[in-house]
ModelCIF file with pLDDT and N, C-alpha, C, O atoms, coordinates in Angstrom:
data_MODEL
#
_entry.id   MODEL 
#
_entity.id                         1 
_entity.type                       polymer 
_entity.pdbx_number_of_molecules   1 
#
_entity_poly.entity_id                      1 
_entity_poly.type                           'polypeptide(L)' 
_entity_poly.nstd_linkage                   no 
_entity_poly.nstd_monomer                   no 
_entity_poly.pdbx_seq_one_letter_code       SIRPATVKGAPVAETLVMLVTVAATVSTGNLAIGV 
_entity_poly.pdbx_seq_one_letter_code_can   SIRPATVKGAPVAETLVMLVTVAATVSTGNLAIGV 
_entity_poly.pdbx_strand_id                 A 
#
loop_
_entity_poly_seq.entity_id 
_entity_poly_seq.num 
_entity_poly_seq.mon_id 
_entity_poly_seq.hetero 
1 1  SER n 
1 2  ILE n 
1 3  ARG n 
1 4  PRO n 
1 5  ALA n 
1 6  THR n 
1 7  VAL n 
1 8  LYS n 
1 9  GLY n 
1 10 ALA n 
1 11 PRO n 
1 12 VAL n 
1 13 ALA n 
1 14 GLU n 
1 15 THR n 
1 16 LEU n 
1 17 VAL n 
1 18 MET n 
1 19 LEU n 
1 20 VAL n 
1 21 THR n 
1 22 VAL n 
1 23 ALA n 
1 24 ALA n 
1 25 THR n 
1 26 VAL n 
1 27 SER n 
1 28 THR n 
1 29 GLY n 
1 30 ASN n 
1 31 LEU n 
1 32 ALA n 
1 33 ILE n 
1 34 GLY n 
1 35 VAL n 
#
_struct_asym.id          A 
_struct_asym.entity_id   1 
#
loop_
_ma_qa_metric.id 
_ma_qa_metric.mode 
_ma_qa_metric.name 
_ma_qa_metric.software_group_id 
_ma_qa_metric.type 
1 global pLDDT . pLDDT 
2 local  pLDDT . pLDDT 
#
_ma_qa_metric_global.metric_id      1 
_ma_qa_metric_global.metric_value   85.66 
_ma_qa_metric_global.model_id       1 
_ma_qa_metric_global.ordinal_id     1 
#
loop_
_ma_qa_metric_local.label_asym_id 
_ma_qa_metric_local.label_comp_id 
_ma_qa_metric_local.label_seq_id 
_ma_qa_metric_local.metric_id 
_ma_qa_metric_local.metric_value 
_ma_qa_metric_local.model_id 
_ma_qa_metric_local.ordinal_id 
A SER 1  2 88.00 1 1  
A ILE 2  2 87.00 1 2  
A ARG 3  2 89.00 1 3  
A PRO 4  2 89.00 1 4  
A ALA 5  2 88.00 1 5  
A THR 6  2 86.00 1 6  
A VAL 7  2 86.00 1 7  
A LYS 8  2 87.00 1 8  
A GLY 9  2 85.00 1 9  
A ALA 10 2 83.00 1 10 
A PRO 11 2 84.00 1 11 
A VAL 12 2 86.00 1 12 
A ALA 13 2 85.00 1 13 
A GLU 14 2 87.00 1 14 
A THR 15 2 89.00 1 15 
A LEU 16 2 90.00 1 16 
A VAL 17 2 91.00 1 17 
A MET 18 2 91.00 1 18 
A LEU 19 2 92.00 1 19 
A VAL 20 2 92.00 1 20 
A THR 21 2 91.00 1 21 
A VAL 22 2 92.00 1 22 
A ALA 23 2 93.00 1 23 
A ALA 24 2 90.00 1 24 
A THR 25 2 85.00 1 25 
A VAL 26 2 86.00 1 26 
A SER 27 2 88.00 1 27 
A THR 28 2 80.00 1 28 
A GLY 29 2 74.00 1 29 
A ASN 30 2 72.00 1 30 
A LEU 31 2 72.00 1 31 
A ALA 32 2 73.00 1 32 
A ILE 33 2 79.00 1 33 
A GLY 34 2 84.00 1 34 
A VAL 35 2 84.00 1 35 
#
loop_
_atom_site.group_PDB 
_atom_site.id 
_atom_site.type_symbol 
_atom_site.label_atom_id 
_atom_site.label_alt_id 
_atom_site.label_comp_id 
_atom_site.label_asym_id 
_atom_site.label_entity_id 
_atom_site.label_seq_id 
_atom_site.pdbx_PDB_ins_code 
_atom_site.Cartn_x 
_atom_site.Cartn_y 
_atom_site.Cartn_z 
_atom_site.occupancy 
_atom_site.B_iso_or_equiv 
_atom_site.pdbx_formal_charge 
_atom_site.auth_seq_id 
_atom_site.auth_comp_id 
_atom_site.auth_asym_id 
_atom_site.auth_atom_id 
_atom_site.pdbx_PDB_model_num 
ATOM 1   N N  . SER A 1 1  ? 31.347 -20.247 42.123 1.00 88.00 ? 1  SER A N  1 
ATOM 2   C CA . SER A 1 1  ? 31.002 -21.384 41.556 1.00 88.00 ? 1  SER A CA 1 
ATOM 3   C C  . SER A 1 1  ? 30.091 -21.183 40.384 1.00 88.00 ? 1  SER A C  1 
ATOM 4   O O  . SER A 1 1  ? 29.808 -22.104 39.618 1.00 88.00 ? 1  SER A O  1 
ATOM 5   N N  . ILE A 1 2  ? 29.609 -19.886 40.251 1.00 87.00 ? 2  ILE A N  1 
ATOM 6   C CA . ILE A 1 2  ? 28.741 -19.719 39.030 1.00 87.00 ? 2  ILE A CA 1 
ATOM 7   C C  . ILE A 1 2  ? 29.400 -18.933 37.882 1.00 87.00 ? 2  ILE A C  1 
ATOM 8   O O  . ILE A 1 2  ? 28.798 -18.643 36.848 1.00 87.00 ? 2  ILE A O  1 
ATOM 9   N N  . ARG A 1 3  ? 30.580 -18.636 38.116 1.00 89.00 ? 3  ARG A N  1 
ATOM 10  C CA . ARG A 1 3  ? 31.325 -17.836 37.004 1.00 89.00 ? 3  ARG A CA 1 
ATOM 11  C C  . ARG A 1 3  ? 31.447 -18.703 35.786 1.00 89.00 ? 3  ARG A C  1 
ATOM 12  O O  . ARG A 1 3  ? 31.671 -19.903 35.946 1.00 89.00 ? 3  ARG A O  1 
ATOM 13  N N  . PRO A 1 4  ? 31.312 -18.170 34.509 1.00 89.00 ? 4  PRO A N  1 
ATOM 14  C CA . PRO A 1 4  ? 31.258 -19.012 33.346 1.00 89.00 ? 4  PRO A CA 1 
ATOM 15  C C  . PRO A 1 4  ? 32.649 -19.902 33.222 1.00 89.00 ? 4  PRO A C  1 
ATOM 16  O O  . PRO A 1 4  ? 32.650 -21.069 32.831 1.00 89.00 ? 4  PRO A O  1 
ATOM 17  N N  . ALA A 1 5  ? 33.761 -19.212 33.593 1.00 88.00 ? 5  ALA A N  1 
ATOM 18  C CA . ALA A 1 5  ? 35.011 -20.020 33.604 1.00 88.00 ? 5  ALA A CA 1 
ATOM 19  C C  . ALA A 1 5  ? 34.979 -21.266 34.367 1.00 88.00 ? 5  ALA A C  1 
ATOM 20  O O  . ALA A 1 5  ? 35.425 -22.324 33.923 1.00 88.00 ? 5  ALA A O  1 
ATOM 21  N N  . THR A 1 6  ? 34.330 -21.100 35.775 1.00 86.00 ? 6  THR A N  1 
ATOM 22  C CA . THR A 1 6  ? 34.458 -22.157 36.676 1.00 86.00 ? 6  THR A CA 1 
ATOM 23  C C  . THR A 1 6  ? 33.513 -23.118 36.151 1.00 86.00 ? 6  THR A C  1 
ATOM 24  O O  . THR A 1 6  ? 33.921 -24.279 36.140 1.00 86.00 ? 6  THR A O  1 
ATOM 25  N N  . VAL A 1 7  ? 32.286 -22.897 35.689 1.00 86.00 ? 7  VAL A N  1 
ATOM 26  C CA . VAL A 1 7  ? 31.385 -23.834 35.131 1.00 86.00 ? 7  VAL A CA 1 
ATOM 27  C C  . VAL A 1 7  ? 32.032 -24.555 33.962 1.00 86.00 ? 7  VAL A C  1 
ATOM 28  O O  . VAL A 1 7  ? 31.958 -25.781 33.876 1.00 86.00 ? 7  VAL A O  1 
ATOM 29  N N  . LYS A 1 8  ? 32.675 -23.802 33.046 1.00 87.00 ? 8  LYS A N  1 
ATOM 30  C CA . LYS A 1 8  ? 33.035 -24.488 31.993 1.00 87.00 ? 8  LYS A CA 1 
ATOM 31  C C  . LYS A 1 8  ? 34.235 -25.459 32.332 1.00 87.00 ? 8  LYS A C  1 
ATOM 32  O O  . LYS A 1 8  ? 34.372 -26.499 31.688 1.00 87.00 ? 8  LYS A O  1 
ATOM 33  N N  . GLY A 1 9  ? 34.993 -25.155 33.221 1.00 85.00 ? 9  GLY A N  1 
ATOM 34  C CA . GLY A 1 9  ? 36.079 -25.942 33.518 1.00 85.00 ? 9  GLY A CA 1 
ATOM 35  C C  . GLY A 1 9  ? 35.739 -27.129 34.459 1.00 85.00 ? 9  GLY A C  1 
ATOM 36  O O  . GLY A 1 9  ? 36.478 -28.109 34.557 1.00 85.00 ? 9  GLY A O  1 
ATOM 37  N N  . ALA A 1 10 ? 34.552 -26.980 35.159 1.00 83.00 ? 10 ALA A N  1 
ATOM 38  C CA . ALA A 1 10 ? 34.363 -27.971 36.189 1.00 83.00 ? 10 ALA A CA 1 
ATOM 39  C C  . ALA A 1 10 ? 33.586 -29.192 35.399 1.00 83.00 ? 10 ALA A C  1 
ATOM 40  O O  . ALA A 1 10 ? 33.012 -29.006 34.326 1.00 83.00 ? 10 ALA A O  1 
ATOM 41  N N  . PRO A 1 11 ? 33.640 -30.426 36.050 1.00 84.00 ? 11 PRO A N  1 
ATOM 42  C CA . PRO A 1 11 ? 33.036 -31.495 35.496 1.00 84.00 ? 11 PRO A CA 1 
ATOM 43  C C  . PRO A 1 11 ? 31.558 -31.322 35.483 1.00 84.00 ? 11 PRO A C  1 
ATOM 44  O O  . PRO A 1 11 ? 30.980 -30.683 36.362 1.00 84.00 ? 11 PRO A O  1 
ATOM 45  N N  . VAL A 1 12 ? 30.885 -31.950 34.382 1.00 86.00 ? 12 VAL A N  1 
ATOM 46  C CA . VAL A 1 12 ? 29.345 -31.965 34.213 1.00 86.00 ? 12 VAL A CA 1 
ATOM 47  C C  . VAL A 1 12 ? 28.738 -32.396 35.540 1.00 86.00 ? 12 VAL A C  1 
ATOM 48  O O  . VAL A 1 12 ? 27.851 -31.810 36.161 1.00 86.00 ? 12 VAL A O  1 
ATOM 49  N N  . ALA A 1 13 ? 29.361 -33.510 35.866 1.00 85.00 ? 13 ALA A N  1 
ATOM 50  C CA . ALA A 1 13 ? 28.606 -34.238 37.127 1.00 85.00 ? 13 ALA A CA 1 
ATOM 51  C C  . ALA A 1 13 ? 28.608 -33.340 38.383 1.00 85.00 ? 13 ALA A C  1 
ATOM 52  O O  . ALA A 1 13 ? 27.612 -33.136 39.078 1.00 85.00 ? 13 ALA A O  1 
ATOM 53  N N  . GLU A 1 14 ? 29.806 -32.840 38.591 1.00 87.00 ? 14 GLU A N  1 
ATOM 54  C CA . GLU A 1 14 ? 29.651 -31.783 39.620 1.00 87.00 ? 14 GLU A CA 1 
ATOM 55  C C  . GLU A 1 14 ? 28.730 -30.652 39.630 1.00 87.00 ? 14 GLU A C  1 
ATOM 56  O O  . GLU A 1 14 ? 28.048 -30.358 40.611 1.00 87.00 ? 14 GLU A O  1 
ATOM 57  N N  . THR A 1 15 ? 28.720 -29.945 38.381 1.00 89.00 ? 15 THR A N  1 
ATOM 58  C CA . THR A 1 15 ? 27.844 -28.886 38.173 1.00 89.00 ? 15 THR A CA 1 
ATOM 59  C C  . THR A 1 15 ? 26.372 -29.323 38.499 1.00 89.00 ? 15 THR A C  1 
ATOM 60  O O  . THR A 1 15 ? 25.620 -28.674 39.226 1.00 89.00 ? 15 THR A O  1 
ATOM 61  N N  . LEU A 1 16 ? 26.035 -30.560 37.843 1.00 90.00 ? 16 LEU A N  1 
ATOM 62  C CA . LEU A 1 16 ? 24.752 -31.072 37.977 1.00 90.00 ? 16 LEU A CA 1 
ATOM 63  C C  . LEU A 1 16 ? 24.261 -31.273 39.473 1.00 90.00 ? 16 LEU A C  1 
ATOM 64  O O  . LEU A 1 16 ? 23.145 -30.954 39.884 1.00 90.00 ? 16 LEU A O  1 
ATOM 65  N N  . VAL A 1 17 ? 25.257 -31.846 40.208 1.00 91.00 ? 17 VAL A N  1 
ATOM 66  C CA . VAL A 1 17 ? 25.164 -32.277 41.544 1.00 91.00 ? 17 VAL A CA 1 
ATOM 67  C C  . VAL A 1 17 ? 24.731 -30.871 42.459 1.00 91.00 ? 17 VAL A C  1 
ATOM 68  O O  . VAL A 1 17 ? 23.830 -30.840 43.297 1.00 91.00 ? 17 VAL A O  1 
ATOM 69  N N  . MET A 1 18 ? 25.479 -29.907 42.127 1.00 91.00 ? 18 MET A N  1 
ATOM 70  C CA . MET A 1 18 ? 25.455 -28.691 42.713 1.00 91.00 ? 18 MET A CA 1 
ATOM 71  C C  . MET A 1 18 ? 23.996 -28.025 42.403 1.00 91.00 ? 18 MET A C  1 
ATOM 72  O O  . MET A 1 18 ? 23.335 -27.516 43.308 1.00 91.00 ? 18 MET A O  1 
ATOM 73  N N  . LEU A 1 19 ? 23.612 -28.063 41.246 1.00 92.00 ? 19 LEU A N  1 
ATOM 74  C CA . LEU A 1 19 ? 22.265 -27.256 40.743 1.00 92.00 ? 19 LEU A CA 1 
ATOM 75  C C  . LEU A 1 19 ? 21.114 -28.203 41.495 1.00 92.00 ? 19 LEU A C  1 
ATOM 76  O O  . LEU A 1 19 ? 20.146 -27.691 42.056 1.00 92.00 ? 19 LEU A O  1 
ATOM 77  N N  . VAL A 1 20 ? 21.320 -29.571 41.443 1.00 92.00 ? 20 VAL A N  1 
ATOM 78  C CA . VAL A 1 20 ? 20.254 -30.280 42.049 1.00 92.00 ? 20 VAL A CA 1 
ATOM 79  C C  . VAL A 1 20 ? 20.141 -30.018 43.509 1.00 92.00 ? 20 VAL A C  1 
ATOM 80  O O  . VAL A 1 20 ? 19.019 -29.886 43.998 1.00 92.00 ? 20 VAL A O  1 
ATOM 81  N N  . THR A 1 21 ? 21.239 -29.931 44.267 1.00 91.00 ? 21 THR A N  1 
ATOM 82  C CA . THR A 1 21 ? 21.182 -29.762 45.629 1.00 91.00 ? 21 THR A CA 1 
ATOM 83  C C  . THR A 1 21 ? 20.550 -28.394 45.989 1.00 91.00 ? 21 THR A C  1 
ATOM 84  O O  . THR A 1 21 ? 19.751 -28.233 46.911 1.00 91.00 ? 21 THR A O  1 
ATOM 85  N N  . VAL A 1 22 ? 21.007 -27.411 45.140 1.00 92.00 ? 22 VAL A N  1 
ATOM 86  C CA . VAL A 1 22 ? 20.302 -25.852 45.303 1.00 92.00 ? 22 VAL A CA 1 
ATOM 87  C C  . VAL A 1 22 ? 18.814 -26.070 45.062 1.00 92.00 ? 22 VAL A C  1 
ATOM 88  O O  . VAL A 1 22 ? 18.005 -25.605 45.865 1.00 92.00 ? 22 VAL A O  1 
ATOM 89  N N  . ALA A 1 23 ? 18.384 -26.809 43.910 1.00 93.00 ? 23 ALA A N  1 
ATOM 90  C CA . ALA A 1 23 ? 16.940 -26.745 43.598 1.00 93.00 ? 23 ALA A CA 1 
ATOM 91  C C  . ALA A 1 23 ? 16.210 -27.591 44.648 1.00 93.00 ? 23 ALA A C  1 
ATOM 92  O O  . ALA A 1 23 ? 15.139 -27.197 45.109 1.00 93.00 ? 23 ALA A O  1 
ATOM 93  N N  . ALA A 1 24 ? 16.753 -28.716 45.023 1.00 90.00 ? 24 ALA A N  1 
ATOM 94  C CA . ALA A 1 24 ? 15.939 -29.442 46.140 1.00 90.00 ? 24 ALA A CA 1 
ATOM 95  C C  . ALA A 1 24 ? 15.806 -28.667 47.517 1.00 90.00 ? 24 ALA A C  1 
ATOM 96  O O  . ALA A 1 24 ? 14.836 -28.813 48.261 1.00 90.00 ? 24 ALA A O  1 
ATOM 97  N N  . THR A 1 25 ? 16.825 -27.869 47.769 1.00 85.00 ? 25 THR A N  1 
ATOM 98  C CA . THR A 1 25 ? 17.008 -27.132 49.048 1.00 85.00 ? 25 THR A CA 1 
ATOM 99  C C  . THR A 1 25 ? 16.054 -26.229 48.951 1.00 85.00 ? 25 THR A C  1 
ATOM 100 O O  . THR A 1 25 ? 15.160 -26.197 49.797 1.00 85.00 ? 25 THR A O  1 
ATOM 101 N N  . VAL A 1 26 ? 16.091 -25.355 47.909 1.00 86.00 ? 26 VAL A N  1 
ATOM 102 C CA . VAL A 1 26 ? 15.199 -24.147 47.762 1.00 86.00 ? 26 VAL A CA 1 
ATOM 103 C C  . VAL A 1 26 ? 13.701 -24.404 47.676 1.00 86.00 ? 26 VAL A C  1 
ATOM 104 O O  . VAL A 1 26 ? 12.820 -23.715 48.190 1.00 86.00 ? 26 VAL A O  1 
ATOM 105 N N  . SER A 1 27 ? 13.543 -25.575 46.900 1.00 88.00 ? 27 SER A N  1 
ATOM 106 C CA . SER A 1 27 ? 12.097 -25.815 46.729 1.00 88.00 ? 27 SER A CA 1 
ATOM 107 C C  . SER A 1 27 ? 11.491 -26.405 48.132 1.00 88.00 ? 27 SER A C  1 
ATOM 108 O O  . SER A 1 27 ? 10.403 -26.014 48.555 1.00 88.00 ? 27 SER A O  1 
ATOM 109 N N  . THR A 1 28 ? 12.120 -27.177 48.676 1.00 80.00 ? 28 THR A N  1 
ATOM 110 C CA . THR A 1 28 ? 11.496 -27.808 49.857 1.00 80.00 ? 28 THR A CA 1 
ATOM 111 C C  . THR A 1 28 ? 11.806 -26.803 51.175 1.00 80.00 ? 28 THR A C  1 
ATOM 112 O O  . THR A 1 28 ? 11.104 -26.861 52.184 1.00 80.00 ? 28 THR A O  1 
ATOM 113 N N  . GLY A 1 29 ? 12.775 -26.011 51.064 1.00 74.00 ? 29 GLY A N  1 
ATOM 114 C CA . GLY A 1 29 ? 13.077 -25.242 52.339 1.00 74.00 ? 29 GLY A CA 1 
ATOM 115 C C  . GLY A 1 29 ? 13.871 -26.018 53.396 1.00 74.00 ? 29 GLY A C  1 
ATOM 116 O O  . GLY A 1 29 ? 14.188 -25.512 54.473 1.00 74.00 ? 29 GLY A O  1 
ATOM 117 N N  . ASN A 1 30 ? 14.167 -27.236 53.045 1.00 72.00 ? 30 ASN A N  1 
ATOM 118 C CA . ASN A 1 30 ? 14.739 -28.110 53.970 1.00 72.00 ? 30 ASN A CA 1 
ATOM 119 C C  . ASN A 1 30 ? 16.071 -28.550 53.501 1.00 72.00 ? 30 ASN A C  1 
ATOM 120 O O  . ASN A 1 30 ? 16.202 -29.262 52.504 1.00 72.00 ? 30 ASN A O  1 
ATOM 121 N N  . LEU A 1 31 ? 17.111 -28.105 54.257 1.00 72.00 ? 31 LEU A N  1 
ATOM 122 C CA . LEU A 1 31 ? 18.615 -28.235 53.724 1.00 72.00 ? 31 LEU A CA 1 
ATOM 123 C C  . LEU A 1 31 ? 18.878 -29.707 53.939 1.00 72.00 ? 31 LEU A C  1 
ATOM 124 O O  . LEU A 1 31 ? 19.756 -30.161 53.205 1.00 72.00 ? 31 LEU A O  1 
ATOM 125 N N  . ALA A 1 32 ? 18.333 -30.528 54.753 1.00 73.00 ? 32 ALA A N  1 
ATOM 126 C CA . ALA A 1 32 ? 18.764 -31.917 54.776 1.00 73.00 ? 32 ALA A CA 1 
ATOM 127 C C  . ALA A 1 32 ? 18.266 -32.668 53.469 1.00 73.00 ? 32 ALA A C  1 
ATOM 128 O O  . ALA A 1 32 ? 18.956 -33.576 53.007 1.00 73.00 ? 32 ALA A O  1 
ATOM 129 N N  . ILE A 1 33 ? 17.252 -32.351 52.962 1.00 79.00 ? 33 ILE A N  1 
ATOM 130 C CA . ILE A 1 33 ? 16.796 -33.113 51.704 1.00 79.00 ? 33 ILE A CA 1 
ATOM 131 C C  . ILE A 1 33 ? 17.594 -32.770 50.601 1.00 79.00 ? 33 ILE A C  1 
ATOM 132 O O  . ILE A 1 33 ? 17.986 -33.607 49.788 1.00 79.00 ? 33 ILE A O  1 
ATOM 133 N N  . GLY A 1 34 ? 17.913 -31.282 50.528 1.00 84.00 ? 34 GLY A N  1 
ATOM 134 C CA . GLY A 1 34 ? 18.919 -31.004 49.492 1.00 84.00 ? 34 GLY A CA 1 
ATOM 135 C C  . GLY A 1 34 ? 20.157 -31.911 49.507 1.00 84.00 ? 34 GLY A C  1 
ATOM 136 O O  . GLY A 1 34 ? 20.480 -32.670 48.593 1.00 84.00 ? 34 GLY A O  1 
ATOM 137 N N  . VAL A 1 35 ? 20.768 -31.740 50.596 1.00 84.00 ? 35 VAL A N  1 
ATOM 138 C CA . VAL A 1 35 ? 22.059 -32.428 50.597 1.00 84.00 ? 35 VAL A CA 1 
ATOM 139 C C  . VAL A 1 35 ? 21.929 -33.895 50.415 1.00 84.00 ? 35 VAL A C  1 
ATOM 140 O O  . VAL A 1 35 ? 22.934 -34.606 50.394 1.00 84.00 ? 35 VAL A O  1 
#
């Protein structure tokens, strides 16, 4: 999911959603909040 080719081909919205999910989960340590 983080290979340049995948990111370039993927929709902006999807990449953004994935990054926000990761950021929210890692910062709170709570998987439910991230999802």
